[in-house]
Amino acid sequence: MLPCFRCGVCCSGYHVQMSLEEARRLAERLGVGWLDFMDDYLDERWPGEDTRVLRQSAGRCIFLDQPADSVFGLCRVHEFKPSSCRAWMSGPDRKECRQGLNRYWNLSIGDDGRIAGLPEDIRCFNTFIDSIAREEH
């Protein structure tokens, strides 16, 4: 099992699609009027009538705060993020998780499904994962 380590790769390259109702709830939770939310956060190129797509900024979800080359991304709407984001599960079989491990930690997933790399890099990664687990509890 590979817990989410908040690398932000899954928040890049994909456009978050949600129902119109969900988009309106998101605007409400943010305290933003619907017209402003549509102008500032939704991709106007999306042709859907019943669905909306979040805009991207710098190639990633507009709600992902992640400094360049940081190993840590923070979702500004994590507590009430869209259902498509909540449904996404991290894991060693996910190419996005593998990319994040390689890009930010210089690690990979071995044939046995375990994290592989230099012992010091693995130790640093595990310390980071432990800190996230403590933060969530």
C-alpha atoms as a PDB file:
ATOM      1  CA  MET A   1       0.000   0.000   0.000  1.00  0.00           C
ATOM      2  CA  LEU A   2       1.305   3.409  -0.936  1.00  0.00           C
ATOM      3  CA  PRO A   3      -0.454   6.221   0.916  1.00  0.00           C
ATOM      4  CA  CYS A   4      -0.948   9.571  -0.752  1.00  0.00           C
ATOM      5  CA  PHE A   5       2.247  11.527  -0.240  1.00  0.00           C
ATOM      6  CA  ARG A   6       0.851  14.751  -1.681  1.00  0.00           C
ATOM      7  CA  CYS A   7       3.177  15.023  -4.653  1.00  0.00           C
ATOM      8  CA  GLY A   8       0.508  16.696  -6.784  1.00  0.00           C
ATOM      9  CA  VAL A   9       1.161  14.675  -9.936  1.00  0.00           C
ATOM     10  CA  CYS A  10      -2.444  13.434  -9.983  1.00  0.00           C
ATOM     11  CA  CYS A  11      -3.587  17.069  -9.823  1.00  0.00           C
ATOM     12  CA  SER A  12      -1.578  17.792 -12.957  1.00  0.00           C
ATOM     13  CA  GLY A  13      -2.486  16.640 -16.416  1.00  0.00           C
ATOM     14  CA  TYR A  14      -6.107  15.951 -15.544  1.00  0.00           C
ATOM     15  CA  HIS A  15      -9.012  18.346 -15.634  1.00  0.00           C
ATOM     16  CA  VAL A  16     -11.362  17.917 -12.697  1.00  0.00           C
ATOM     17  CA  GLN A  17     -14.900  17.396 -13.950  1.00  0.00           C
ATOM     18  CA  MET A  18     -17.883  17.835 -11.655  1.00  0.00           C
ATOM     19  CA  SER A  19     -21.616  18.236 -11.802  1.00  0.00           C
ATOM     20  CA  LEU A  20     -23.133  21.692 -11.976  1.00  0.00           C
ATOM     21  CA  GLU A  21     -24.561  21.146  -8.502  1.00  0.00           C
ATOM     22  CA  GLU A  22     -21.150  20.192  -7.136  1.00  0.00           C
ATOM     23  CA  ALA A  23     -19.564  23.263  -8.746  1.00  0.00           C
ATOM     24  CA  ARG A  24     -22.160  25.479  -7.102  1.00  0.00           C
ATOM     25  CA  ARG A  25     -21.484  23.851  -3.701  1.00  0.00           C
ATOM     26  CA  LEU A  26     -17.762  24.401  -4.173  1.00  0.00           C
ATOM     27  CA  ALA A  27     -18.351  28.095  -4.915  1.00  0.00           C
ATOM     28  CA  GLU A  28     -20.538  28.347  -1.839  1.00  0.00           C
ATOM     29  CA  ARG A  29     -17.963  26.652   0.408  1.00  0.00           C
ATOM     30  CA  LEU A  30     -15.332  29.065  -0.894  1.00  0.00           C
ATOM     31  CA  GLY A  31     -17.621  32.024  -0.236  1.00  0.00           C
ATOM     32  CA  VAL A  32     -17.438  33.068  -3.875  1.00  0.00           C
ATOM     33  CA  GLY A  33     -20.434  34.236  -5.885  1.00  0.00           C
ATOM     34  CA  TRP A  34     -21.433  31.925  -8.727  1.00  0.00           C
ATOM     35  CA  LEU A  35     -20.589  34.371 -11.529  1.00  0.00           C
ATOM     36  CA  ASP A  36     -17.174  35.124 -10.030  1.00  0.00           C
ATOM     37  CA  PHE A  37     -16.559  31.407  -9.501  1.00  0.00           C
ATOM     38  CA  MET A  38     -17.379  30.694 -13.142  1.00  0.00           C
ATOM     39  CA  ASP A  39     -15.051  33.474 -14.313  1.00  0.00           C
ATOM     40  CA  ASP A  40     -12.166  32.659 -11.971  1.00  0.00           C
ATOM     41  CA  TYR A  41     -12.222  28.885 -11.517  1.00  0.00           C
ATOM     42  CA  LEU A  42     -14.064  27.154 -14.348  1.00  0.00           C
ATOM     43  CA  ASP A  43     -12.743  26.399 -17.812  1.00  0.00           C
ATOM     44  CA  GLU A  44     -15.077  28.208 -20.168  1.00  0.00           C
ATOM     45  CA  ARG A  45     -14.044  25.954 -23.062  1.00  0.00           C
ATOM     46  CA  TRP A  46     -15.912  22.993 -21.521  1.00  0.00           C
ATOM     47  CA  PRO A  47     -19.105  22.486 -23.526  1.00  0.00           C
ATOM     48  CA  GLY A  48     -21.056  20.532 -20.903  1.00  0.00           C
ATOM     49  CA  GLU A  49     -24.459  21.753 -19.791  1.00  0.00           C
ATOM     50  CA  ASP A  50     -24.730  19.559 -16.694  1.00  0.00           C
ATOM     51  CA  THR A  51     -21.029  19.400 -15.843  1.00  0.00           C
ATOM     52  CA  ARG A  52     -18.190  21.827 -15.317  1.00  0.00           C
ATOM     53  CA  VAL A  53     -14.401  21.534 -15.420  1.00  0.00           C
ATOM     54  CA  LEU A  54     -11.977  23.314 -13.125  1.00  0.00           C
ATOM     55  CA  ARG A  55      -9.455  25.576 -14.751  1.00  0.00           C
ATOM     56  CA  GLN A  56      -5.780  24.761 -14.523  1.00  0.00           C
ATOM     57  CA  SER A  57      -2.950  27.098 -13.654  1.00  0.00           C
ATOM     58  CA  ALA A  58       0.661  26.316 -14.551  1.00  0.00           C
ATOM     59  CA  GLY A  59      -0.428  22.864 -15.755  1.00  0.00           C
ATOM     60  CA  ARG A  60      -2.184  21.781 -12.569  1.00  0.00           C
ATOM     61  CA  CYS A  61      -5.482  22.154 -10.775  1.00  0.00           C
ATOM     62  CA  ILE A  62      -6.156  25.753  -9.870  1.00  0.00           C
ATOM     63  CA  PHE A  63      -6.616  24.693  -6.228  1.00  0.00           C
ATOM     64  CA  LEU A  64      -3.238  22.963  -5.880  1.00  0.00           C
ATOM     65  CA  ASP A  65      -0.665  25.065  -4.058  1.00  0.00           C
ATOM     66  CA  GLN A  66       2.753  23.630  -4.772  1.00  0.00           C
ATOM     67  CA  PRO A  67       5.953  25.629  -5.032  1.00  0.00           C
ATOM     68  CA  ALA A  68       8.208  24.636  -7.936  1.00  0.00           C
ATOM     69  CA  ASP A  69      10.087  21.389  -7.228  1.00  0.00           C
ATOM     70  CA  SER A  70       8.451  21.036  -3.816  1.00  0.00           C
ATOM     71  CA  VAL A  71       7.752  17.515  -2.586  1.00  0.00           C
ATOM     72  CA  PHE A  72       4.589  18.733  -0.942  1.00  0.00           C
ATOM     73  CA  GLY A  73       1.413  19.937  -2.615  1.00  0.00           C
ATOM     74  CA  LEU A  74      -1.522  21.316  -0.700  1.00  0.00           C
ATOM     75  CA  CYS A  75      -5.085  21.184  -1.991  1.00  0.00           C
ATOM     76  CA  ARG A  76      -6.827  24.382  -0.941  1.00  0.00           C
ATOM     77  CA  VAL A  77     -10.224  22.641  -1.106  1.00  0.00           C
ATOM     78  CA  HIS A  78      -9.197  19.286   0.376  1.00  0.00           C
ATOM     79  CA  GLU A  79     -11.951  19.257   3.015  1.00  0.00           C
ATOM     80  CA  PHE A  80     -14.658  19.694   0.374  1.00  0.00           C
ATOM     81  CA  LYS A  81     -12.931  18.696  -2.854  1.00  0.00           C
ATOM     82  CA  PRO A  82     -14.960  17.394  -5.787  1.00  0.00           C
ATOM     83  CA  SER A  83     -16.119  13.775  -5.733  1.00  0.00           C
ATOM     84  CA  SER A  84     -13.868  12.838  -8.670  1.00  0.00           C
ATOM     85  CA  CYS A  85     -10.889  13.874  -6.534  1.00  0.00           C
ATOM     86  CA  ARG A  86     -12.174  12.015  -3.461  1.00  0.00           C
ATOM     87  CA  ALA A  87     -12.677   8.868  -5.550  1.00  0.00           C
ATOM     88  CA  TRP A  88      -9.103   8.835  -6.820  1.00  0.00           C
ATOM     89  CA  MET A  89      -6.974   6.405  -4.792  1.00  0.00           C
ATOM     90  CA  SER A  90      -3.208   6.464  -4.606  1.00  0.00           C
ATOM     91  CA  GLY A  91      -1.235   3.258  -4.910  1.00  0.00           C
ATOM     92  CA  PRO A  92       1.902   1.628  -6.251  1.00  0.00           C
ATOM     93  CA  ASP A  93       0.029   0.653  -9.418  1.00  0.00           C
ATOM     94  CA  ARG A  94      -0.764   4.288 -10.260  1.00  0.00           C
ATOM     95  CA  LYS A  95       1.567   5.808 -12.838  1.00  0.00           C
ATOM     96  CA  GLU A  96       1.067   9.219 -11.195  1.00  0.00           C
ATOM     97  CA  CYS A  97       2.314   7.919  -7.838  1.00  0.00           C
ATOM     98  CA  ARG A  98       5.282   6.276  -9.524  1.00  0.00           C
ATOM     99  CA  GLN A  99       6.082   9.531 -11.322  1.00  0.00           C
ATOM    100  CA  GLY A 100       5.877  11.490  -8.063  1.00  0.00           C
ATOM    101  CA  LEU A 101       8.124   9.008  -6.268  1.00  0.00           C
ATOM    102  CA  ASN A 102      10.700   9.275  -9.009  1.00  0.00           C
ATOM    103  CA  ARG A 103      10.460  13.037  -9.545  1.00  0.00           C
ATOM    104  CA  TYR A 104      10.531  14.195  -5.931  1.00  0.00           C
ATOM    105  CA  TRP A 105      12.153  11.336  -4.021  1.00  0.00           C
ATOM    106  CA  ASN A 106      14.331   9.546  -6.600  1.00  0.00           C
ATOM    107  CA  LEU A 107      12.513   6.329  -5.676  1.00  0.00           C
ATOM    108  CA  SER A 108      10.655   3.668  -7.628  1.00  0.00           C
ATOM    109  CA  ILE A 109       8.416   0.664  -7.065  1.00  0.00           C
ATOM    110  CA  GLY A 110      10.258  -2.632  -7.376  1.00  0.00           C
ATOM    111  CA  ASP A 111       8.948  -5.809  -8.965  1.00  0.00           C
ATOM    112  CA  ASP A 112       7.893  -6.941  -5.487  1.00  0.00           C
ATOM    113  CA  GLY A 113       5.641  -3.848  -5.110  1.00  0.00           C
ATOM    114  CA  ARG A 114       7.870  -2.258  -2.486  1.00  0.00           C
ATOM    115  CA  ILE A 115       9.594   1.110  -2.608  1.00  0.00           C
ATOM    116  CA  ALA A 116      13.092   0.849  -4.052  1.00  0.00           C
ATOM    117  CA  GLY A 117      15.994   3.254  -3.981  1.00  0.00           C
ATOM    118  CA  LEU A 118      18.899   4.359  -1.838  1.00  0.00           C
ATOM    119  CA  PRO A 119      18.386   3.540   1.863  1.00  0.00           C
ATOM    120  CA  GLU A 120      18.739   7.205   2.868  1.00  0.00           C
ATOM    121  CA  ASP A 121      16.139   8.290   0.288  1.00  0.00           C
ATOM    122  CA  ILE A 122      13.738   5.584   1.495  1.00  0.00           C
ATOM    123  CA  ARG A 123      14.316   6.627   5.108  1.00  0.00           C
ATOM    124  CA  CYS A 124      13.598  10.310   4.285  1.00  0.00           C
ATOM    125  CA  PHE A 125      10.453   9.350   2.375  1.00  0.00           C
ATOM    126  CA  ASN A 126       9.187   7.143   5.240  1.00  0.00           C
ATOM    127  CA  THR A 127       9.843   9.957   7.740  1.00  0.00           C
ATOM    128  CA  PHE A 128       7.794  12.278   5.539  1.00  0.00           C
ATOM    129  CA  ILE A 129       4.950   9.738   5.287  1.00  0.00           C
ATOM    130  CA  ASP A 130       4.994   9.333   9.082  1.00  0.00           C
ATOM    131  CA  SER A 131       4.722  13.114   9.517  1.00  0.00           C
ATOM    132  CA  ILE A 132       1.688  13.218   7.208  1.00  0.00           C
ATOM    133  CA  ALA A 133       0.041  10.371   9.144  1.00  0.00           C
ATOM    134  CA  ARG A 134       0.601  12.193  12.454  1.00  0.00           C
ATOM    135  CA  GLU A 135      -0.796  15.409  10.954  1.00  0.00           C
ATOM    136  CA  GLU A 136      -3.977  13.644   9.813  1.00  0.00           C
ATOM    137  CA  HIS A 137      -4.681  12.153  13.246  1.00  0.00           C
END
